[in-house]
Amino acid sequence: MSKQLVNLTLPVVTEEIENILETYPAHPYQQVFSAAGLRQDLIAYVLSRVPNTYTVIEETQSSLNPTLLPHYSSERLLNIEHWIHLGIRDVLHVYNRSNCYMPQTVSVNPTTSSLVG
C-alpha cells in the first residue's frame, strides 16, 4: 500500500483565513483574496511562518479523518490569526505594488530655442 504525507495545519489555516476575511470589508480585501492565486499566496505566507503538523495516511483513504485533525491551543490559534492579519496586509501590499498604474514616460525633444539662454 502506498502512503501519503498530509499537512494537518492546512485545513486549520484555510478555515481561519475564511473566518478572518469575513470580518474585513468586501472591497478590497474579500474581493482581492477571492482570486485563487492570491488566496494561495496568503495560505503559503501563513504556513511558512507557523509550525506545521503532518501525518501519513494510506492512499486508499479518500479523505482525511476528522479525528486526525490536531486540537490547537488558544495560543497557537492566536499565532495563526496574527500571521493571517500580517499576511493579508503584506500580500495585498505586494499585489497593489505590482498592479499599480505606472504613468508612461513622455519624452520631449528639446528645441534649440529652449537650449539657448
Protein backbone atom coordinates (compact mmCIF):
# COMPACT_ATOMS: atom_id res chain seq x y z
CA MET A 1 0.00 0.00 0.00
CA SER A 2 1.11 3.47 -0.84
CA LYS A 3 1.19 6.22 1.75
CA GLN A 4 0.66 9.95 1.50
CA LEU A 5 2.00 12.81 3.62
CA VAL A 6 -0.76 15.20 4.71
CA ASN A 7 -0.35 18.66 6.24
CA LEU A 8 -2.83 18.83 9.13
CA THR A 9 -2.24 22.54 9.64
CA LEU A 10 -3.50 23.44 6.15
CA PRO A 11 -7.24 22.94 6.84
CA VAL A 12 -6.96 24.91 10.09
CA VAL A 13 -5.19 27.82 8.37
CA THR A 14 -7.66 27.75 5.46
CA GLU A 15 -10.64 27.86 7.82
CA GLU A 16 -9.12 30.67 9.91
CA ILE A 17 -8.42 32.69 6.75
CA GLU A 18 -12.07 32.29 5.72
CA ASN A 19 -13.28 33.41 9.16
CA ILE A 20 -10.93 36.39 9.34
CA LEU A 21 -11.59 37.61 5.79
CA GLU A 22 -15.31 37.69 6.63
CA THR A 23 -14.51 40.39 9.20
CA TYR A 24 -12.76 42.58 6.60
CA PRO A 25 -14.58 44.90 4.19
CA ALA A 26 -15.67 43.33 0.90
CA HIS A 27 -13.61 45.85 -1.04
CA PRO A 28 -10.73 45.46 -1.41
CA TYR A 29 -9.96 42.58 0.96
CA GLN A 30 -12.59 39.93 0.26
CA GLN A 31 -12.65 40.85 -3.41
CA VAL A 32 -8.88 40.62 -3.87
CA PHE A 33 -8.49 37.41 -1.88
CA SER A 34 -11.35 35.72 -3.72
CA ALA A 35 -8.84 35.22 -6.55
CA ALA A 36 -7.42 31.72 -6.20
CA GLY A 37 -3.84 32.85 -6.78
CA LEU A 38 -3.82 35.46 -4.04
CA ARG A 39 -5.67 33.16 -1.65
CA GLN A 40 -2.96 30.54 -2.25
CA ASP A 41 -0.28 33.20 -1.69
CA LEU A 42 -1.89 34.07 1.65
CA ILE A 43 -2.12 30.41 2.67
CA ALA A 44 1.55 29.87 1.75
CA TYR A 45 2.52 33.05 3.63
CA VAL A 46 0.90 31.80 6.84
CA LEU A 47 2.02 28.17 6.54
CA SER A 48 5.62 29.25 6.08
CA ARG A 49 5.51 31.17 9.36
CA VAL A 50 3.72 28.81 11.75
CA PRO A 51 4.65 25.34 13.00
CA ASN A 52 3.00 22.69 10.81
CA THR A 53 1.78 19.24 11.85
CA TYR A 54 1.86 16.32 9.42
CA THR A 55 0.58 12.77 9.32
CA VAL A 56 0.96 9.83 6.98
CA ILE A 57 -2.21 8.17 5.67
CA GLU A 58 -2.90 5.27 3.34
CA GLU A 59 -3.60 6.47 -0.20
CA THR A 60 -6.77 4.38 -0.21
CA GLN A 61 -8.31 6.78 2.30
CA SER A 62 -10.38 9.17 0.19
CA SER A 63 -10.44 11.96 2.75
CA LEU A 64 -8.79 12.97 5.95
CA ASN A 65 -10.38 11.55 9.08
CA PRO A 66 -11.57 14.48 11.24
CA THR A 67 -10.18 12.75 14.33
CA LEU A 68 -6.70 13.18 12.85
CA LEU A 69 -7.00 16.96 12.86
CA PRO A 70 -4.97 18.40 15.72
CA HIS A 71 -6.54 20.36 18.52
CA TYR A 72 -4.75 23.69 18.69
CA SER A 73 -4.33 25.67 21.88
CA SER A 74 -5.69 29.20 22.08
CA GLU A 75 -2.13 30.48 21.95
CA ARG A 76 -1.39 28.59 18.74
CA LEU A 77 -4.64 29.77 17.12
CA LEU A 78 -3.84 33.36 18.08
CA ASN A 79 -0.42 32.95 16.49
CA ILE A 80 -2.04 31.68 13.28
CA GLU A 81 -4.52 34.59 13.35
CA HIS A 82 -1.66 37.03 13.88
CA TRP A 83 0.14 35.75 10.77
CA ILE A 84 -3.08 35.81 8.76
CA HIS A 85 -3.61 39.51 9.54
CA LEU A 86 0.01 40.29 8.67
CA GLY A 87 -0.27 38.16 5.54
CA ILE A 88 -3.38 40.00 4.39
CA ARG A 89 -1.51 43.27 4.74
CA ASP A 90 1.72 42.07 3.13
CA VAL A 91 0.19 40.11 0.24
CA LEU A 92 -2.19 42.97 -0.53
CA HIS A 93 0.73 45.42 -0.45
CA VAL A 94 2.69 43.31 -2.95
CA TYR A 95 -0.44 42.94 -5.11
CA ASN A 96 -1.03 46.71 -5.11
CA ARG A 97 2.61 47.44 -5.97
CA SER A 98 2.59 45.04 -8.90
CA ASN A 99 -0.79 46.22 -10.22
CA CYS A 100 -0.50 49.95 -9.68
CA TYR A 101 -0.85 52.30 -12.60
CA MET A 102 2.52 53.33 -13.89
CA PRO A 103 2.29 56.50 -15.96
CA GLN A 104 4.03 56.27 -19.27
CA THR A 105 7.17 58.30 -19.67
CA VAL A 106 6.79 61.06 -22.18
CA SER A 107 9.97 62.05 -23.92
CA VAL A 108 10.14 65.62 -25.06
CA ASN A 109 12.60 66.61 -27.75
CA PRO A 110 14.18 69.87 -26.67
CA THR A 111 14.17 72.58 -29.25
CA THR A 112 17.20 74.70 -29.87
CA SER A 113 15.36 77.75 -28.63
CA SER A 114 14.90 76.17 -25.22
CA LEU A 115 18.61 75.39 -25.07
CA VAL A 116 19.64 78.96 -25.77
CA GLY A 117 19.67 81.04 -22.63
